């Protein structure tokens, strides 16, 4: 929880930003929202990549080469396909 003065500062900053955004013409506002969406998407991808790297590190497979990963995936696909044909 933020201290009251910090929360007030954040609110003031947000109000200033909102006021500036409201003065933009609609095309500029649209471009701004698109940029915000793009930045949020990039941050989400980066967070996902960090979680994935952490998982691979925990599994001890972070340093595997792409060829090794692809070979394991191919083997797994073949095992699944073989099992599907048996049933």
N, C-alpha and C. Protein backbone atom coordinates (compact mmCIF):
# COMPACT_ATOMS: atom_id res chain seq x y z
N UNK A 1 0.85 -1.18 0.00
CA UNK A 1 0.00 0.00 0.00
C UNK A 1 0.89 1.24 0.00
N UNK A 2 0.56 2.17 -0.86
CA UNK A 2 1.32 3.42 -0.94
C UNK A 2 0.97 4.35 0.20
N UNK A 3 1.94 5.11 0.70
CA UNK A 3 1.60 6.14 1.68
C UNK A 3 0.67 7.16 1.03
N UNK A 4 -0.11 7.85 1.84
CA UNK A 4 -1.11 8.79 1.32
C UNK A 4 -0.49 9.82 0.39
N UNK A 5 0.65 10.40 0.78
CA UNK A 5 1.25 11.44 -0.06
C UNK A 5 1.69 10.88 -1.39
N UNK A 6 2.15 9.63 -1.41
CA UNK A 6 2.56 8.99 -2.66
C UNK A 6 1.34 8.72 -3.53
N UNK A 7 0.28 8.27 -2.92
CA UNK A 7 -0.96 8.05 -3.67
C UNK A 7 -1.51 9.35 -4.24
N UNK A 8 -1.42 10.43 -3.48
CA UNK A 8 -1.87 11.73 -3.97
C UNK A 8 -1.02 12.17 -5.16
N UNK A 9 0.28 11.94 -5.08
CA UNK A 9 1.18 12.32 -6.17
C UNK A 9 0.86 11.54 -7.44
N UNK A 10 0.59 10.26 -7.29
CA UNK A 10 0.24 9.42 -8.44
C UNK A 10 -1.07 9.90 -9.04
N UNK A 11 -2.05 10.19 -8.20
CA UNK A 11 -3.34 10.66 -8.68
C UNK A 11 -3.19 11.98 -9.44
N UNK A 12 -2.38 12.88 -8.91
CA UNK A 12 -2.15 14.16 -9.56
C UNK A 12 -1.49 13.94 -10.92
N UNK A 13 -0.51 13.08 -10.97
CA UNK A 13 0.19 12.77 -12.22
C UNK A 13 -0.79 12.18 -13.24
N UNK A 14 -1.63 11.26 -12.79
CA UNK A 14 -2.61 10.65 -13.69
C UNK A 14 -3.61 11.68 -14.20
N UNK A 15 -4.03 12.58 -13.32
CA UNK A 15 -4.95 13.63 -13.74
C UNK A 15 -4.30 14.55 -14.78
N UNK A 16 -3.03 14.87 -14.58
CA UNK A 16 -2.31 15.70 -15.55
C UNK A 16 -2.21 14.99 -16.90
N UNK A 17 -1.90 13.71 -16.87
CA UNK A 17 -1.83 12.94 -18.12
C UNK A 17 -3.19 12.90 -18.82
N UNK A 18 -4.23 12.64 -18.05
CA UNK A 18 -5.57 12.57 -18.63
C UNK A 18 -5.96 13.91 -19.27
N UNK A 19 -5.60 14.99 -18.61
CA UNK A 19 -5.91 16.31 -19.15
C UNK A 19 -5.17 16.53 -20.47
N UNK A 20 -3.90 16.16 -20.50
CA UNK A 20 -3.13 16.31 -21.74
C UNK A 20 -3.70 15.43 -22.85
N UNK A 21 -4.07 14.23 -22.53
CA UNK A 21 -4.63 13.31 -23.52
C UNK A 21 -5.94 13.86 -24.07
N UNK A 22 -6.76 14.43 -23.19
CA UNK A 22 -8.05 14.97 -23.60
C UNK A 22 -7.90 16.14 -24.58
N UNK A 23 -6.75 16.81 -24.56
CA UNK A 23 -6.54 17.93 -25.48
C UNK A 23 -6.09 17.47 -26.86
N UNK A 24 -5.71 16.21 -27.00
CA UNK A 24 -5.29 15.69 -28.29
C UNK A 24 -6.50 15.53 -29.21
N UNK A 25 -6.26 15.65 -30.51
CA UNK A 25 -7.37 15.39 -31.43
C UNK A 25 -7.60 13.88 -31.49
N UNK A 26 -8.76 13.44 -31.97
CA UNK A 26 -9.10 12.01 -31.96
C UNK A 26 -8.06 11.11 -32.64
N UNK A 27 -7.47 11.55 -33.74
CA UNK A 27 -6.47 10.72 -34.42
C UNK A 27 -5.23 10.54 -33.55
N UNK A 28 -4.81 11.60 -32.86
CA UNK A 28 -3.66 11.50 -31.96
C UNK A 28 -3.99 10.60 -30.77
N UNK A 29 -5.21 10.71 -30.25
CA UNK A 29 -5.60 9.83 -29.14
C UNK A 29 -5.60 8.38 -29.59
N UNK A 30 -6.10 8.11 -30.78
CA UNK A 30 -6.12 6.74 -31.30
C UNK A 30 -4.69 6.21 -31.43
N UNK A 31 -3.79 7.03 -31.97
CA UNK A 31 -2.39 6.62 -32.10
C UNK A 31 -1.78 6.35 -30.73
N UNK A 32 -2.12 7.17 -29.76
CA UNK A 32 -1.61 6.98 -28.40
C UNK A 32 -2.10 5.67 -27.82
N UNK A 33 -3.38 5.37 -27.96
CA UNK A 33 -3.94 4.12 -27.41
C UNK A 33 -3.32 2.91 -28.10
N UNK A 34 -3.07 3.03 -29.41
CA UNK A 34 -2.42 1.93 -30.12
C UNK A 34 -1.00 1.70 -29.58
N UNK A 35 -0.29 2.79 -29.31
CA UNK A 35 1.06 2.67 -28.76
C UNK A 35 1.02 2.06 -27.36
N UNK A 36 0.06 2.47 -26.55
CA UNK A 36 -0.08 1.90 -25.20
C UNK A 36 -0.37 0.40 -25.30
N UNK A 37 -1.26 0.01 -26.21
CA UNK A 37 -1.57 -1.41 -26.38
C UNK A 37 -0.34 -2.18 -26.82
N UNK A 38 0.43 -1.60 -27.74
CA UNK A 38 1.64 -2.25 -28.21
C UNK A 38 2.65 -2.44 -27.08
N UNK A 39 2.84 -1.40 -26.28
CA UNK A 39 3.78 -1.49 -25.16
C UNK A 39 3.33 -2.52 -24.13
N UNK A 40 2.02 -2.55 -23.84
CA UNK A 40 1.51 -3.55 -22.90
C UNK A 40 1.70 -4.96 -23.43
N UNK A 41 1.49 -5.14 -24.73
CA UNK A 41 1.68 -6.44 -25.36
C UNK A 41 3.14 -6.87 -25.24
N UNK A 42 4.07 -5.94 -25.55
CA UNK A 42 5.49 -6.24 -25.46
C UNK A 42 5.89 -6.60 -24.03
N UNK A 43 5.37 -5.87 -23.06
CA UNK A 43 5.67 -6.17 -21.65
C UNK A 43 5.13 -7.54 -21.26
N UNK A 44 3.95 -7.85 -21.75
CA UNK A 44 3.38 -9.17 -21.47
C UNK A 44 4.22 -10.29 -22.06
N UNK A 45 4.69 -10.09 -23.29
CA UNK A 45 5.55 -11.10 -23.91
C UNK A 45 6.86 -11.25 -23.14
N UNK A 46 7.43 -10.14 -22.71
CA UNK A 46 8.68 -10.20 -21.95
C UNK A 46 8.48 -10.92 -20.62
N UNK A 47 7.36 -10.64 -19.95
CA UNK A 47 7.06 -11.33 -18.68
C UNK A 47 6.88 -12.82 -18.90
N UNK A 48 6.20 -13.18 -19.98
CA UNK A 48 6.02 -14.59 -20.31
C UNK A 48 7.35 -15.25 -20.61
N UNK A 49 8.22 -14.57 -21.36
CA UNK A 49 9.53 -15.11 -21.68
C UNK A 49 10.36 -15.32 -20.41
N UNK A 50 10.28 -14.38 -19.48
CA UNK A 50 11.03 -14.52 -18.23
C UNK A 50 10.53 -15.73 -17.44
N UNK A 51 9.21 -15.92 -17.39
CA UNK A 51 8.66 -17.08 -16.68
C UNK A 51 9.09 -18.38 -17.36
N UNK A 52 9.07 -18.37 -18.69
CA UNK A 52 9.46 -19.57 -19.43
C UNK A 52 10.93 -19.89 -19.21
N UNK A 53 11.80 -18.85 -19.24
CA UNK A 53 13.22 -19.07 -18.98
C UNK A 53 13.43 -19.61 -17.56
N UNK A 54 12.68 -19.09 -16.61
CA UNK A 54 12.80 -19.56 -15.22
C UNK A 54 12.39 -21.02 -15.12
N UNK A 55 11.32 -21.38 -15.83
CA UNK A 55 10.88 -22.78 -15.81
C UNK A 55 11.93 -23.69 -16.44
N UNK A 56 12.47 -23.26 -17.58
CA UNK A 56 13.50 -24.08 -18.22
C UNK A 56 14.74 -24.20 -17.34
N UNK A 57 15.10 -23.11 -16.66
CA UNK A 57 16.25 -23.16 -15.75
C UNK A 57 15.99 -24.14 -14.62
N UNK A 58 14.77 -24.12 -14.07
CA UNK A 58 14.42 -25.04 -12.98
C UNK A 58 14.44 -26.49 -13.45
N UNK A 59 14.09 -26.71 -14.71
CA UNK A 59 14.11 -28.06 -15.28
C UNK A 59 15.52 -28.47 -15.74
N UNK A 60 16.43 -27.52 -15.74
CA UNK A 60 17.78 -27.80 -16.19
C UNK A 60 17.91 -27.89 -17.70
N UNK A 61 16.97 -27.31 -18.43
CA UNK A 61 16.99 -27.41 -19.89
C UNK A 61 17.16 -26.05 -20.58
N UNK A 62 17.52 -25.04 -19.83
CA UNK A 62 17.64 -23.69 -20.39
C UNK A 62 18.72 -23.60 -21.46
N UNK A 63 19.79 -24.38 -21.32
CA UNK A 63 20.91 -24.28 -22.25
C UNK A 63 20.82 -25.25 -23.43
N UNK A 64 19.69 -25.93 -23.58
CA UNK A 64 19.53 -26.84 -24.71
C UNK A 64 19.54 -26.06 -26.03
N UNK A 65 20.11 -26.67 -27.04
CA UNK A 65 20.11 -26.03 -28.36
C UNK A 65 18.74 -26.20 -29.01
N UNK A 66 18.48 -25.37 -30.00
CA UNK A 66 17.21 -25.47 -30.74
C UNK A 66 17.09 -26.84 -31.40
N UNK A 67 18.21 -27.36 -31.92
CA UNK A 67 18.19 -28.68 -32.56
C UNK A 67 17.79 -29.78 -31.57
N UNK A 68 18.30 -29.70 -30.36
CA UNK A 68 17.95 -30.69 -29.33
C UNK A 68 16.47 -30.62 -29.00
N UNK A 69 15.96 -29.42 -28.83
CA UNK A 69 14.54 -29.24 -28.52
C UNK A 69 13.67 -29.77 -29.65
N UNK A 70 14.05 -29.43 -30.89
CA UNK A 70 13.26 -29.90 -32.04
C UNK A 70 13.30 -31.42 -32.15
N UNK A 71 14.44 -32.04 -31.87
CA UNK A 71 14.54 -33.49 -31.92
C UNK A 71 13.64 -34.13 -30.86
N UNK A 72 13.61 -33.54 -29.67
CA UNK A 72 12.74 -34.06 -28.61
C UNK A 72 11.27 -33.91 -28.98
N UNK A 73 10.91 -32.77 -29.58
CA UNK A 73 9.53 -32.57 -30.01
C UNK A 73 9.14 -33.56 -31.10
N UNK A 74 10.05 -33.80 -32.03
CA UNK A 74 9.77 -34.77 -33.10
C UNK A 74 9.53 -36.15 -32.51
N UNK A 75 10.38 -36.55 -31.57
CA UNK A 75 10.23 -37.85 -30.92
C UNK A 75 8.89 -37.94 -30.20
N UNK A 76 8.53 -36.88 -29.50
CA UNK A 76 7.25 -36.85 -28.78
C UNK A 76 6.07 -36.96 -29.75
N UNK A 77 6.13 -36.23 -30.87
CA UNK A 77 5.05 -36.31 -31.87
C UNK A 77 4.93 -37.73 -32.42
N UNK A 78 6.07 -38.34 -32.70
CA UNK A 78 6.06 -39.71 -33.23
C UNK A 78 5.46 -40.69 -32.23
N UNK A 79 5.80 -40.52 -30.95
CA UNK A 79 5.24 -41.39 -29.91
C UNK A 79 3.73 -41.22 -29.80
N UNK A 80 3.27 -39.99 -29.87
CA UNK A 80 1.83 -39.72 -29.79
C UNK A 80 1.12 -40.30 -31.00
N UNK A 81 1.69 -40.09 -32.18
CA UNK A 81 1.09 -40.61 -33.41
C UNK A 81 1.03 -42.13 -33.37
N UNK A 82 2.10 -42.78 -32.92
CA UNK A 82 2.13 -44.23 -32.84
C UNK A 82 1.07 -44.74 -31.86
N UNK A 83 0.91 -44.04 -30.75
CA UNK A 83 -0.10 -44.43 -29.76
C UNK A 83 -1.50 -44.24 -30.32
N UNK A 84 -1.72 -43.18 -31.08
CA UNK A 84 -3.04 -42.94 -31.69
C UNK A 84 -3.40 -44.03 -32.69
N UNK A 85 -2.43 -44.52 -33.44
CA UNK A 85 -2.71 -45.55 -34.44
C UNK A 85 -2.98 -46.88 -33.81
N UNK A 86 -2.46 -47.12 -32.61
CA UNK A 86 -2.69 -48.39 -31.90
C UNK A 86 -4.11 -48.47 -31.34
N UNK A 87 -4.70 -47.33 -31.04
CA UNK A 87 -6.02 -47.35 -30.41
C UNK A 87 -7.13 -47.21 -31.40
